[in-house]
Amino acid sequence: MTEFTFGLDTFGDVPEDDKGNLLSYGAALRQVVDEAVLADELGVDVIALGEHHRPEYAISSPETVLAAIAARTERLRLASGVTVLSSDDPVRVFQRFATVDGLSDGRAEVILGRGSFTESFPLFGYDLADYDKLFEEKIELFVKLLDEKPVTWSGTTRAPLENADVFPKTDSGRLTTWVGVGGSPQSVVRTARYGLPLMLAIIGGAPDRFAPYVDLYRRAADQLGTVAHPVGMHSPGFVADTDEEAKELFYPRYKVMRDRIGALRGWPPLRKQEFDHEVEQGSLYIGSPETVARKMARAIKALGVGRFDMIYSAGSTPASARLRAVELFGSKVLPMTRDLLAG
């Protein structure tokens, strides 16, 4: 029987309290830790924390929060979602996640990405004109570091390394590393070339339109002689006791966030009709446990993926509602989804 893995993703969106006041950044970070602890208790497989450098989000350093989660959990795998490798240093990324791996007894994962947000580039002194070159060179170096042997490397985006040994080493000898891809065929082929697992970021439209990317990944791995790992996908969603409650809690806050980001990217304001269509036919997994489980199972079958991560926080959704969403996801959605997939 196929083994499926399920995770929860968050960027540490700053939530409201029950009176409608925004929490502080510190309280928002502690909220994420509490949610991860609950997820661990309920049998969720993975927590993935995204890196952002914007006022709406509390998490700019996923591995620091993951270390706090590691100390309070027993089995939950601890991932980034994603680490923006282009504007970071591969050696330091490896060291930080190898540290989390050691603290958590081998539970760390890093998901590398180019980043759909660009705030980190000017913040850390990188030129967006080098967007592609930065990722290509840095992933090349990172893959060398995964062998946990002395590395010799040279490129144009950081200082060269000559027989450099990097510490700490992991107990297993290999840090679990994925590549997050938003829909570029070149990125899919690159992931296959390095023999790394593929995580598809599917944030809009019908999920089955990504089936060609799954096929491309497998064909590329076969032709390149690398391993085609089970593919993962992550998409936004929210679970409440009823479909109506889930939409009522999610939509107004999601619209605020979506319109704010959309204004920077030239998107028109989100209309309720578009939102409803995404919930019914697209890549928003919003509703009661039964509704969400059915839609997740359909997407997993359509794409043939082995892992599904839900981005469960969007905008200022109240902290209490988020905690309830995590509870319902772990206690109801996952058992239902597994039963549907088994059937």
C-alpha atoms as a PDB file:
ATOM      1  CA  MET A   1       0.000   0.000   0.000  1.00  0.00           C
ATOM      2  CA  THR A   2       1.299   3.484  -0.892  1.00  0.00           C
ATOM      3  CA  GLU A   3       2.490   5.552   2.048  1.00  0.00           C
ATOM      4  CA  PHE A   4       1.266   9.143   1.970  1.00  0.00           C
ATOM      5  CA  THR A   5       2.746  11.992   3.979  1.00  0.00           C
ATOM      6  CA  PHE A   6       0.796  15.033   5.159  1.00  0.00           C
ATOM      7  CA  GLY A   7       2.069  18.365   6.407  1.00  0.00           C
ATOM      8  CA  LEU A   8       1.045  21.824   7.499  1.00  0.00           C
ATOM      9  CA  ASP A   9       2.747  24.972   6.156  1.00  0.00           C
ATOM     10  CA  THR A  10       2.784  28.482   7.566  1.00  0.00           C
ATOM     11  CA  PHE A  11       4.692  31.708   7.035  1.00  0.00           C
ATOM     12  CA  GLY A  12       3.874  32.802  10.573  1.00  0.00           C
ATOM     13  CA  ASP A  13       1.109  35.164   9.472  1.00  0.00           C
ATOM     14  CA  VAL A  14       0.384  37.589  12.316  1.00  0.00           C
ATOM     15  CA  PRO A  15      -3.073  36.562  13.603  1.00  0.00           C
ATOM     16  CA  GLU A  16      -5.774  38.364  15.550  1.00  0.00           C
ATOM     17  CA  ASP A  17      -6.826  37.590  19.085  1.00  0.00           C
ATOM     18  CA  ASP A  18     -10.495  36.941  19.846  1.00  0.00           C
ATOM     19  CA  LYS A  19     -11.113  40.703  20.141  1.00  0.00           C
ATOM     20  CA  GLY A  20      -9.793  41.439  16.650  1.00  0.00           C
ATOM     21  CA  ASN A  21      -6.432  42.872  17.744  1.00  0.00           C
ATOM     22  CA  LEU A  22      -3.274  41.782  15.953  1.00  0.00           C
ATOM     23  CA  LEU A  23      -0.826  39.786  18.043  1.00  0.00           C
ATOM     24  CA  SER A  24       2.762  40.946  18.445  1.00  0.00           C
ATOM     25  CA  TYR A  25       5.438  39.256  16.356  1.00  0.00           C
ATOM     26  CA  GLY A  26       6.654  37.389  19.434  1.00  0.00           C
ATOM     27  CA  ALA A  27       3.167  36.128  20.210  1.00  0.00           C
ATOM     28  CA  ALA A  28       2.721  35.109  16.566  1.00  0.00           C
ATOM     29  CA  LEU A  29       5.927  33.057  16.723  1.00  0.00           C
ATOM     30  CA  ARG A  30       4.828  31.353  19.936  1.00  0.00           C
ATOM     31  CA  GLN A  31       1.471  30.639  18.310  1.00  0.00           C
ATOM     32  CA  VAL A  32       3.232  28.729  15.511  1.00  0.00           C
ATOM     33  CA  VAL A  33       5.135  26.648  18.074  1.00  0.00           C
ATOM     34  CA  ASP A  34       1.880  25.806  19.889  1.00  0.00           C
ATOM     35  CA  GLU A  35       0.266  24.813  16.580  1.00  0.00           C
ATOM     36  CA  ALA A  36       3.208  22.560  15.741  1.00  0.00           C
ATOM     37  CA  VAL A  37       3.031  20.881  19.155  1.00  0.00           C
ATOM     38  CA  LEU A  38      -0.657  20.137  18.592  1.00  0.00           C
ATOM     39  CA  ALA A  39       0.079  18.835  15.079  1.00  0.00           C
ATOM     40  CA  ASP A  40       2.714  16.512  16.528  1.00  0.00           C
ATOM     41  CA  GLU A  41       0.255  15.143  19.089  1.00  0.00           C
ATOM     42  CA  LEU A  42      -2.379  14.515  16.390  1.00  0.00           C
ATOM     43  CA  GLY A  43      -0.159  12.597  13.980  1.00  0.00           C
ATOM     44  CA  VAL A  44       0.568  15.231  11.327  1.00  0.00           C
ATOM     45  CA  ASP A  45       3.801  14.196   9.603  1.00  0.00           C
ATOM     46  CA  VAL A  46       5.493  17.525   8.807  1.00  0.00           C
ATOM     47  CA  ILE A  47       5.479  21.208   9.750  1.00  0.00           C
ATOM     48  CA  ALA A  48       6.983  23.502   7.089  1.00  0.00           C
ATOM     49  CA  LEU A  49       7.809  27.132   7.849  1.00  0.00           C
ATOM     50  CA  GLY A  50       8.267  29.650   5.057  1.00  0.00           C
ATOM     51  CA  GLU A  51      10.846  32.439   5.025  1.00  0.00           C
ATOM     52  CA  HIS A  52       9.481  35.937   4.473  1.00  0.00           C
ATOM     53  CA  HIS A  53      10.681  39.483   5.065  1.00  0.00           C
ATOM     54  CA  ARG A  54       7.383  41.362   5.030  1.00  0.00           C
ATOM     55  CA  PRO A  55       5.314  42.997   7.801  1.00  0.00           C
ATOM     56  CA  GLU A  56       2.467  40.464   7.536  1.00  0.00           C
ATOM     57  CA  TYR A  57       4.689  37.544   8.531  1.00  0.00           C
ATOM     58  CA  ALA A  58       6.611  36.767  11.715  1.00  0.00           C
ATOM     59  CA  ILE A  59       8.958  34.086  10.358  1.00  0.00           C
ATOM     60  CA  SER A  60      12.123  35.326   8.663  1.00  0.00           C
ATOM     61  CA  SER A  61      14.318  32.565  10.128  1.00  0.00           C
ATOM     62  CA  PRO A  62      12.485  29.228   9.814  1.00  0.00           C
ATOM     63  CA  GLU A  63      15.274  27.151  11.312  1.00  0.00           C
ATOM     64  CA  THR A  64      15.241  29.177  14.551  1.00  0.00           C
ATOM     65  CA  VAL A  65      11.527  28.488  15.029  1.00  0.00           C
ATOM     66  CA  LEU A  66      12.027  24.853  14.006  1.00  0.00           C
ATOM     67  CA  ALA A  67      14.640  24.491  16.750  1.00  0.00           C
ATOM     68  CA  ALA A  68      12.071  25.694  19.292  1.00  0.00           C
ATOM     69  CA  ILE A  69       9.541  23.215  17.883  1.00  0.00           C
ATOM     70  CA  ALA A  70      12.129  20.430  18.003  1.00  0.00           C
ATOM     71  CA  ALA A  71      12.437  20.854  21.764  1.00  0.00           C
ATOM     72  CA  ARG A  72       8.687  20.366  22.285  1.00  0.00           C
ATOM     73  CA  THR A  73       7.849  17.608  19.793  1.00  0.00           C
ATOM     74  CA  GLU A  74       8.693  13.938  19.368  1.00  0.00           C
ATOM     75  CA  ARG A  75       7.944  12.805  15.807  1.00  0.00           C
ATOM     76  CA  LEU A  76       7.017  15.795  13.623  1.00  0.00           C
ATOM     77  CA  ARG A  77       9.389  16.356  10.699  1.00  0.00           C
ATOM     78  CA  LEU A  78      10.706  19.930  10.670  1.00  0.00           C
ATOM     79  CA  ALA A  79      10.964  21.622   7.286  1.00  0.00           C
ATOM     80  CA  SER A  80      11.357  25.010   5.690  1.00  0.00           C
ATOM     81  CA  GLY A  81       8.852  25.963   3.058  1.00  0.00           C
ATOM     82  CA  VAL A  82      10.883  27.485   1.445  1.00  0.00           C
ATOM     83  CA  THR A  83      14.385  28.620   2.298  1.00  0.00           C
ATOM     84  CA  VAL A  84      15.293  31.328  -0.245  1.00  0.00           C
ATOM     85  CA  LEU A  85      18.697  29.935  -1.172  1.00  0.00           C
ATOM     86  CA  SER A  86      19.376  32.642  -3.768  1.00  0.00           C
ATOM     87  CA  SER A  87      19.750  35.346  -1.108  1.00  0.00           C
ATOM     88  CA  ASP A  88      21.429  33.174   1.521  1.00  0.00           C
ATOM     89  CA  ASP A  89      24.745  31.377   1.844  1.00  0.00           C
ATOM     90  CA  PRO A  90      24.619  27.635   1.092  1.00  0.00           C
ATOM     91  CA  VAL A  91      27.199  26.805   3.742  1.00  0.00           C
ATOM     92  CA  ARG A  92      25.278  28.618   6.478  1.00  0.00           C
ATOM     93  CA  VAL A  93      21.962  27.125   5.331  1.00  0.00           C
ATOM     94  CA  PHE A  94      23.466  23.645   5.546  1.00  0.00           C
ATOM     95  CA  GLN A  95      24.962  24.342   8.975  1.00  0.00           C
ATOM     96  CA  ARG A  96      21.724  25.723  10.395  1.00  0.00           C
ATOM     97  CA  PHE A  97      19.588  22.828   9.183  1.00  0.00           C
ATOM     98  CA  ALA A  98      22.192  20.238  10.184  1.00  0.00           C
ATOM     99  CA  THR A  99      21.998  21.814  13.644  1.00  0.00           C
ATOM    100  CA  VAL A 100      18.195  21.453  13.712  1.00  0.00           C
ATOM    101  CA  ASP A 101      18.645  17.883  12.484  1.00  0.00           C
ATOM    102  CA  GLY A 102      20.938  17.120  15.404  1.00  0.00           C
ATOM    103  CA  LEU A 103      18.681  18.777  17.970  1.00  0.00           C
ATOM    104  CA  SER A 104      15.641  16.896  16.656  1.00  0.00           C
ATOM    105  CA  ASP A 105      17.304  13.490  16.297  1.00  0.00           C
ATOM    106  CA  GLY A 106      17.204  13.477  12.506  1.00  0.00           C
ATOM    107  CA  ARG A 107      13.855  15.180  11.797  1.00  0.00           C
ATOM    108  CA  ALA A 108      15.014  18.222   9.790  1.00  0.00           C
ATOM    109  CA  GLU A 109      14.259  18.875   6.119  1.00  0.00           C
ATOM    110  CA  VAL A 110      15.138  21.857   3.985  1.00  0.00           C
ATOM    111  CA  ILE A 111      13.044  22.875   0.977  1.00  0.00           C
ATOM    112  CA  LEU A 112      15.141  25.127  -1.242  1.00  0.00           C
ATOM    113  CA  GLY A 113      13.550  27.683  -3.544  1.00  0.00           C
ATOM    114  CA  ARG A 114      14.196  30.817  -5.558  1.00  0.00           C
ATOM    115  CA  GLY A 115      11.373  32.591  -3.743  1.00  0.00           C
ATOM    116  CA  SER A 116       8.200  34.096  -5.207  1.00  0.00           C
ATOM    117  CA  PHE A 117       8.782  37.189  -3.018  1.00  0.00           C
ATOM    118  CA  THR A 118      11.829  39.341  -3.667  1.00  0.00           C
ATOM    119  CA  GLU A 119      12.244  41.393  -0.458  1.00  0.00           C
ATOM    120  CA  SER A 120      15.246  39.332   0.645  1.00  0.00           C
ATOM    121  CA  PHE A 121      17.335  40.316  -2.388  1.00  0.00           C
ATOM    122  CA  PRO A 122      17.810  44.042  -1.650  1.00  0.00           C
ATOM    123  CA  LEU A 123      17.737  43.331   2.096  1.00  0.00           C
ATOM    124  CA  PHE A 124      20.851  41.159   1.834  1.00  0.00           C
ATOM    125  CA  GLY A 125      22.535  43.035  -0.989  1.00  0.00           C
ATOM    126  CA  TYR A 126      21.711  40.895  -4.025  1.00  0.00           C
ATOM    127  CA  ASP A 127      20.785  42.126  -7.483  1.00  0.00           C
ATOM    128  CA  LEU A 128      17.506  40.800  -8.888  1.00  0.00           C
ATOM    129  CA  ALA A 129      19.162  40.804 -12.302  1.00  0.00           C
ATOM    130  CA  ASP A 130      21.153  37.809 -10.997  1.00  0.00           C
ATOM    131  CA  TYR A 131      17.980  35.937  -9.932  1.00  0.00           C
ATOM    132  CA  ASP A 132      18.624  32.824 -12.042  1.00  0.00           C
ATOM    133  CA  LYS A 133      22.411  32.746 -11.715  1.00  0.00           C
ATOM    134  CA  LEU A 134      22.255  33.046  -7.924  1.00  0.00           C
ATOM    135  CA  PHE A 135      20.056  29.982  -7.545  1.00  0.00           C
ATOM    136  CA  GLU A 136      21.886  27.895 -10.156  1.00  0.00           C
ATOM    137  CA  GLU A 137      25.289  28.419  -8.561  1.00  0.00           C
ATOM    138  CA  LYS A 138      24.113  28.099  -4.984  1.00  0.00           C
ATOM    139  CA  ILE A 139      22.144  24.908  -5.474  1.00  0.00           C
ATOM    140  CA  GLU A 140      25.179  23.409  -7.197  1.00  0.00           C
ATOM    141  CA  LEU A 141      27.230  24.155  -4.092  1.00  0.00           C
ATOM    142  CA  PHE A 142      24.494  22.997  -1.706  1.00  0.00           C
ATOM    143  CA  VAL A 143      24.241  19.614  -3.417  1.00  0.00           C
ATOM    144  CA  LYS A 144      28.004  19.161  -2.958  1.00  0.00           C
ATOM    145  CA  LEU A 145      27.627  19.980   0.745  1.00  0.00           C
ATOM    146  CA  LEU A 146      25.014  17.227   1.106  1.00  0.00           C
ATOM    147  CA  ASP A 147      27.747  14.595   0.673  1.00  0.00           C
ATOM    148  CA  GLU A 148      29.222  15.874   3.987  1.00  0.00           C
ATOM    149  CA  LYS A 149      32.772  15.631   2.658  1.00  0.00           C
ATOM    150  CA  PRO A 150      35.380  18.377   2.044  1.00  0.00           C
ATOM    151  CA  VAL A 151      34.176  20.606  -0.802  1.00  0.00           C
ATOM    152  CA  THR A 152      36.075  22.391  -3.542  1.00  0.00           C
ATOM    153  CA  TRP A 153      33.912  24.834  -5.486  1.00  0.00           C
ATOM    154  CA  SER A 154      34.151  28.139  -7.305  1.00  0.00           C
ATOM    155  CA  GLY A 155      31.579  30.468  -8.833  1.00  0.00           C
ATOM    156  CA  THR A 156      30.719  34.134  -9.181  1.00  0.00           C
ATOM    157  CA  THR A 157      28.181  34.566  -6.352  1.00  0.00           C
ATOM    158  CA  ARG A 158      30.323  33.813  -3.277  1.00  0.00           C
ATOM    159  CA  ALA A 159      33.935  33.178  -2.319  1.00  0.00           C
ATOM    160  CA  PRO A 160      35.442  29.896  -3.628  1.00  0.00           C
ATOM    161  CA  LEU A 161      35.981  26.905  -1.349  1.00  0.00           C
ATOM    162  CA  GLU A 162      39.122  24.775  -1.386  1.00  0.00           C
ATOM    163  CA  ASN A 163      38.835  21.402   0.345  1.00  0.00           C
ATOM    164  CA  ALA A 164      36.531  23.028   2.919  1.00  0.00           C
ATOM    165  CA  ASP A 165      34.945  20.769   5.533  1.00  0.00           C
ATOM    166  CA  VAL A 166      31.619  21.943   6.954  1.00  0.00           C
ATOM    167  CA  PHE A 167      30.210  21.179  10.400  1.00  0.00           C
ATOM    168  CA  PRO A 168      28.120  19.858  12.054  1.00  0.00           C
ATOM    169  CA  LYS A 169      27.595  16.611  10.205  1.00  0.00           C
ATOM    170  CA  THR A 170      24.232  14.886  10.427  1.00  0.00           C
ATOM    171  CA  ASP A 171      23.896  11.546  12.224  1.00  0.00           C
ATOM    172  CA  SER A 172      22.379   9.968   9.082  1.00  0.00           C
ATOM    173  CA  GLY A 173      25.033  11.387   6.757  1.00  0.00           C
ATOM    174  CA  ARG A 174      22.489  13.116   4.521  1.00  0.00           C
ATOM    175  CA  LEU A 175      20.235  16.100   5.177  1.00  0.00           C
ATOM    176  CA  THR A 176      16.802  15.593   3.588  1.00  0.00           C
ATOM    177  CA  THR A 177      16.564  18.270   0.885  1.00  0.00           C
ATOM    178  CA  TRP A 178      13.715  19.155  -1.478  1.00  0.00           C
ATOM    179  CA  VAL A 179      13.378  21.810  -4.175  1.00  0.00           C
ATOM    180  CA  GLY A 180      10.232  23.933  -4.231  1.00  0.00           C
ATOM    181  CA  VAL A 181       9.023  24.732  -7.754  1.00  0.00           C
ATOM    182  CA  GLY A 182       6.220  27.060  -8.805  1.00  0.00           C
ATOM    183  CA  GLY A 183       5.715  25.875 -12.371  1.00  0.00           C
ATOM    184  CA  SER A 184       8.904  26.361 -14.389  1.00  0.00           C
ATOM    185  CA  PRO A 185       9.842  23.336 -16.562  1.00  0.00           C
ATOM    186  CA  GLN A 186      13.506  24.327 -16.264  1.00  0.00           C
ATOM    187  CA  SER A 187      13.260  24.170 -12.472  1.00  0.00           C
ATOM    188  CA  VAL A 188      11.643  20.726 -12.648  1.00  0.00           C
ATOM    189  CA  VAL A 189      14.440  19.392 -14.868  1.00  0.00           C
ATOM    190  CA  ARG A 190      17.108  20.968 -12.632  1.00  0.00           C
ATOM    191  CA  THR A 191      15.596  19.238  -9.599  1.00  0.00           C
ATOM    192  CA  ALA A 192      15.693  15.915 -11.436  1.00  0.00           C
ATOM    193  CA  ARG A 193      19.277  16.546 -12.549  1.00  0.00           C
ATOM    194  CA  TYR A 194      20.405  16.832  -8.946  1.00  0.00           C
ATOM    195  CA  GLY A 195      18.341  13.817  -7.874  1.00  0.00           C
ATOM    196  CA  LEU A 196      16.370  15.802  -5.288  1.00  0.00           C
ATOM    197  CA  PRO A 197      12.680  15.455  -4.352  1.00  0.00           C
ATOM    198  CA  LEU A 198      10.278  17.912  -6.016  1.00  0.00           C
ATOM    199  CA  MET A 199       7.746  20.015  -4.070  1.00  0.00           C
ATOM    200  CA  LEU A 200       5.154  21.727  -6.288  1.00  0.00           C
ATOM    201  CA  ALA A 201       3.740  25.034  -5.073  1.00  0.00           C
ATOM    202  CA  ILE A 202       0.173  24.958  -6.419  1.00  0.00           C
ATOM    203  CA  ILE A 203      -1.542  28.114  -5.205  1.00  0.00           C
ATOM    204  CA  GLY A 204      -4.160  28.652  -7.899  1.00  0.00           C
ATOM    205  CA  GLY A 205      -6.033  26.954 -10.701  1.00  0.00           C
ATOM    206  CA  ALA A 206      -7.004  23.316 -11.125  1.00  0.00           C
ATOM    207  CA  PRO A 207      -4.341  21.107  -9.539  1.00  0.00           C
ATOM    208  CA  ASP A 208      -4.372  18.570 -12.379  1.00  0.00           C
ATOM    209  CA  ARG A 209      -2.791  21.152 -14.699  1.00  0.00           C
ATOM    210  CA  PHE A 210       0.449  20.322 -12.846  1.00  0.00           C
ATOM    211  CA  ALA A 211       0.331  16.661 -13.927  1.00  0.00           C
ATOM    212  CA  PRO A 212       2.709  17.351 -16.868  1.00  0.00           C
ATOM    213  CA  TYR A 213       5.311  18.644 -14.398  1.00  0.00           C
ATOM    214  CA  VAL A 214       5.132  15.434 -12.370  1.00  0.00           C
ATOM    215  CA  ASP A 215       5.555  13.454 -15.585  1.00  0.00           C
ATOM    216  CA  LEU A 216       8.428  15.703 -16.708  1.00  0.00           C
ATOM    217  CA  TYR A 217      10.222  15.191 -13.398  1.00  0.00           C
ATOM    218  CA  ARG A 218       9.985  11.412 -13.687  1.00  0.00           C
ATOM    219  CA  ARG A 219      11.013  11.330 -17.355  1.00  0.00           C
ATOM    220  CA  ALA A 220      13.937  13.693 -16.724  1.00  0.00           C
ATOM    221  CA  ALA A 221      15.173  11.612 -13.798  1.00  0.00           C
ATOM    222  CA  ASP A 222      14.979   8.482 -15.928  1.00  0.00           C
ATOM    223  CA  GLN A 223      16.888  10.063 -18.814  1.00  0.00           C
ATOM    224  CA  LEU A 224      19.490  11.644 -16.505  1.00  0.00           C
ATOM    225  CA  GLY A 225      19.987   8.468 -14.500  1.00  0.00           C
ATOM    226  CA  THR A 226      18.964  10.004 -11.172  1.00  0.00           C
ATOM    227  CA  VAL A 227      16.285   9.018  -8.647  1.00  0.00           C
ATOM    228  CA  ALA A 228      12.679  10.189  -9.095  1.00  0.00           C
ATOM    229  CA  HIS A 229      11.456  10.575  -5.524  1.00  0.00           C
ATOM    230  CA  PRO A 230       7.759  10.752  -4.576  1.00  0.00           C
ATOM    231  CA  VAL A 231       6.589  14.251  -5.526  1.00  0.00           C
ATOM    232  CA  GLY A 232       5.037  16.620  -2.983  1.00  0.00           C
ATOM    233  CA  MET A 233       2.541  19.443  -3.406  1.00  0.00           C
ATOM    234  CA  HIS A 234       1.493  22.310  -1.197  1.00  0.00           C
ATOM    235  CA  SER A 235      -1.592  24.496  -1.494  1.00  0.00           C
ATOM    236  CA  PRO A 236      -3.550  26.950   0.658  1.00  0.00           C
ATOM    237  CA  GLY A 237      -6.487  25.786   2.744  1.00  0.00           C
ATOM    238  CA  PHE A 238      -8.402  26.155   5.951  1.00  0.00           C
ATOM    239  CA  VAL A 239     -10.535  23.764   7.985  1.00  0.00           C
ATOM    240  CA  ALA A 240     -13.450  24.667  10.247  1.00  0.00           C
ATOM    241  CA  ASP A 241     -16.422  22.711  11.569  1.00  0.00           C
ATOM    242  CA  THR A 242     -18.584  23.649   8.557  1.00  0.00           C
ATOM    243  CA  ASP A 243     -18.004  24.844   4.999  1.00  0.00           C
ATOM    244  CA  GLU A 244     -19.748  28.131   5.769  1.00  0.00           C
ATOM    245  CA  GLU A 245     -17.649  28.854   8.858  1.00  0.00           C
ATOM    246  CA  ALA A 246     -14.406  28.073   7.027  1.00  0.00           C
ATOM    247  CA  LYS A 247     -15.208  30.472   4.175  1.00  0.00           C
ATOM    248  CA  GLU A 248     -16.461  33.158   6.551  1.00  0.00           C
ATOM    249  CA  LEU A 249     -13.269  33.060   8.600  1.00  0.00           C
ATOM    250  CA  PHE A 250     -10.891  32.746   5.670  1.00  0.00           C
ATOM    251  CA  TYR A 251     -12.176  34.912   2.827  1.00  0.00           C
ATOM    252  CA  PRO A 252     -12.115  38.506   4.188  1.00  0.00           C
ATOM    253  CA  ARG A 253      -8.616  38.176   5.634  1.00  0.00           C
ATOM    254  CA  TYR A 254      -7.318  36.270   2.627  1.00  0.00           C
ATOM    255  CA  LYS A 255      -8.667  39.007   0.347  1.00  0.00           C
ATOM    256  CA  VAL A 256      -6.840  41.724   2.293  1.00  0.00           C
ATOM    257  CA  MET A 257      -3.545  39.848   2.011  1.00  0.00           C
ATOM    258  CA  ARG A 258      -4.089  38.803  -1.619  1.00  0.00           C
ATOM    259  CA  ASP A 259      -5.018  42.339  -2.714  1.00  0.00           C
ATOM    260  CA  ARG A 260      -2.040  43.859  -0.903  1.00  0.00           C
ATOM    261  CA  ILE A 261       0.387  41.512  -2.633  1.00  0.00           C
ATOM    262  CA  GLY A 262      -1.535  41.720  -5.910  1.00  0.00           C
ATOM    263  CA  ALA A 263      -1.215  45.499  -5.985  1.00  0.00           C
ATOM    264  CA  LEU A 264       2.568  45.068  -6.116  1.00  0.00           C
ATOM    265  CA  ARG A 265       2.293  42.554  -8.949  1.00  0.00           C
ATOM    266  CA  GLY A 266      -0.358  44.223 -11.086  1.00  0.00           C
ATOM    267  CA  TRP A 267      -3.205  41.861 -10.177  1.00  0.00           C
ATOM    268  CA  PRO A 268      -6.796  43.130  -9.978  1.00  0.00           C
ATOM    269  CA  PRO A 269      -8.539  42.910  -6.588  1.00  0.00           C
ATOM    270  CA  LEU A 270      -9.864  39.451  -5.714  1.00  0.00           C
ATOM    271  CA  ARG A 271     -13.584  39.026  -6.361  1.00  0.00           C
ATOM    272  CA  LYS A 272     -15.787  36.717  -4.298  1.00  0.00           C
ATOM    273  CA  GLN A 273     -16.762  34.862  -7.462  1.00  0.00           C
ATOM    274  CA  GLU A 274     -13.106  34.037  -8.162  1.00  0.00           C
ATOM    275  CA  PHE A 275     -12.626  32.901  -4.572  1.00  0.00           C
ATOM    276  CA  ASP A 276     -15.668  30.618  -4.711  1.00  0.00           C
ATOM    277  CA  HIS A 277     -14.419  29.121  -7.981  1.00  0.00           C
ATOM    278  CA  GLU A 278     -11.009  28.381  -6.450  1.00  0.00           C
ATOM    279  CA  VAL A 279     -12.708  26.678  -3.505  1.00  0.00           C
ATOM    280  CA  GLU A 280     -14.908  24.582  -5.801  1.00  0.00           C
ATOM    281  CA  GLN A 281     -12.575  23.841  -8.717  1.00  0.00           C
ATOM    282  CA  GLY A 282      -9.147  25.279  -7.966  1.00  0.00           C
ATOM    283  CA  SER A 283      -6.434  25.009  -5.347  1.00  0.00           C
ATOM    284  CA  LEU A 284      -8.054  26.403  -2.200  1.00  0.00           C
ATOM    285  CA  TYR A 285      -8.824  23.533   0.187  1.00  0.00           C
ATOM    286  CA  ILE A 286     -11.383  25.267   2.370  1.00  0.00           C
ATOM    287  CA  GLY A 287     -14.319  23.822   4.272  1.00  0.00           C
ATOM    288  CA  SER A 288     -15.375  21.170   6.742  1.00  0.00           C
ATOM    289  CA  PRO A 289     -13.123  18.154   7.351  1.00  0.00           C
ATOM    290  CA  GLU A 290     -15.205  16.069   4.940  1.00  0.00           C
ATOM    291  CA  THR A 291     -15.032  18.679   2.172  1.00  0.00           C
ATOM    292  CA  VAL A 292     -11.289  19.215   2.545  1.00  0.00           C
ATOM    293  CA  ALA A 293     -10.507  15.484   2.764  1.00  0.00           C
ATOM    294  CA  ARG A 294     -12.429  14.718  -0.424  1.00  0.00           C
ATOM    295  CA  LYS A 295     -10.719  17.504  -2.336  1.00  0.00           C
ATOM    296  CA  MET A 296      -7.254  16.540  -1.064  1.00  0.00           C
ATOM    297  CA  ALA A 297      -7.775  12.904  -2.037  1.00  0.00           C
ATOM    298  CA  ARG A 298      -8.887  13.928  -5.537  1.00  0.00           C
ATOM    299  CA  ALA A 299      -5.808  16.106  -6.055  1.00  0.00           C
ATOM    300  CA  ILE A 300      -3.408  13.473  -4.711  1.00  0.00           C
ATOM    301  CA  LYS A 301      -4.894  10.841  -7.044  1.00  0.00           C
ATOM    302  CA  ALA A 302      -4.952  13.195 -10.042  1.00  0.00           C
ATOM    303  CA  LEU A 303      -1.277  14.096  -9.684  1.00  0.00           C
ATOM    304  CA  GLY A 304       0.044  10.861  -8.225  1.00  0.00           C
ATOM    305  CA  VAL A 305       1.920  12.680  -5.457  1.00  0.00           C
ATOM    306  CA  GLY A 306       3.127  11.151  -2.210  1.00  0.00           C
ATOM    307  CA  ARG A 307       2.940  14.211   0.013  1.00  0.00           C
ATOM    308  CA  PHE A 308       0.379  16.958   0.523  1.00  0.00           C
ATOM    309  CA  ASP A 309       1.115  20.038   2.644  1.00  0.00           C
ATOM    310  CA  MET A 310      -1.619  22.546   3.430  1.00  0.00           C
ATOM    311  CA  ILE A 311      -0.759  26.221   3.941  1.00  0.00           C
ATOM    312  CA  TYR A 312      -3.177  26.642   6.839  1.00  0.00           C
ATOM    313  CA  SER A 313      -2.652  30.307   7.720  1.00  0.00           C
ATOM    314  CA  ALA A 314      -3.565  33.282   5.562  1.00  0.00           C
ATOM    315  CA  GLY A 315      -3.594  36.834   6.800  1.00  0.00           C
ATOM    316  CA  SER A 316      -4.917  37.697  10.240  1.00  0.00           C
ATOM    317  CA  THR A 317      -7.215  34.684  10.755  1.00  0.00           C
ATOM    318  CA  PRO A 318      -7.816  34.522  14.538  1.00  0.00           C
ATOM    319  CA  ALA A 319      -5.310  32.484  16.510  1.00  0.00           C
ATOM    320  CA  SER A 320      -8.059  30.400  18.123  1.00  0.00           C
ATOM    321  CA  ALA A 321      -9.524  29.522  14.704  1.00  0.00           C
ATOM    322  CA  ARG A 322      -6.087  28.536  13.435  1.00  0.00           C
ATOM    323  CA  LEU A 323      -5.544  26.223  16.377  1.00  0.00           C
ATOM    324  CA  ARG A 324      -8.953  24.656  15.701  1.00  0.00           C
ATOM    325  CA  ALA A 325      -7.993  24.236  12.033  1.00  0.00           C
ATOM    326  CA  VAL A 326      -4.845  22.343  13.033  1.00  0.00           C
ATOM    327  CA  GLU A 327      -6.895  20.181  15.397  1.00  0.00           C
ATOM    328  CA  LEU A 328      -9.437  19.305  12.694  1.00  0.00           C
ATOM    329  CA  PHE A 329      -6.730  18.683  10.094  1.00  0.00           C
ATOM    330  CA  GLY A 330      -4.915  16.197  12.300  1.00  0.00           C
ATOM    331  CA  SER A 331      -7.863  14.497  13.990  1.00  0.00           C
ATOM    332  CA  LYS A 332     -10.378  14.344  11.122  1.00  0.00           C
ATOM    333  CA  VAL A 333      -9.045  15.384   7.711  1.00  0.00           C
ATOM    334  CA  LEU A 334      -6.043  13.073   7.687  1.00  0.00           C
ATOM    335  CA  PRO A 335      -7.868   9.863   8.707  1.00  0.00           C
ATOM    336  CA  MET A 336     -10.622  10.596   6.158  1.00  0.00           C
ATOM    337  CA  THR A 337      -8.116  11.355   3.396  1.00  0.00           C
ATOM    338  CA  ARG A 338      -6.144   8.192   4.085  1.00  0.00           C
ATOM    339  CA  ASP A 339      -9.347   6.131   3.977  1.00  0.00           C
ATOM    340  CA  LEU A 340     -10.365   7.719   0.662  1.00  0.00           C
ATOM    341  CA  LEU A 341      -6.936   7.037  -0.841  1.00  0.00           C
ATOM    342  CA  ALA A 342      -6.947   3.454   0.409  1.00  0.00           C
ATOM    343  CA  GLY A 343     -10.374   2.956  -1.165  1.00  0.00           C
END
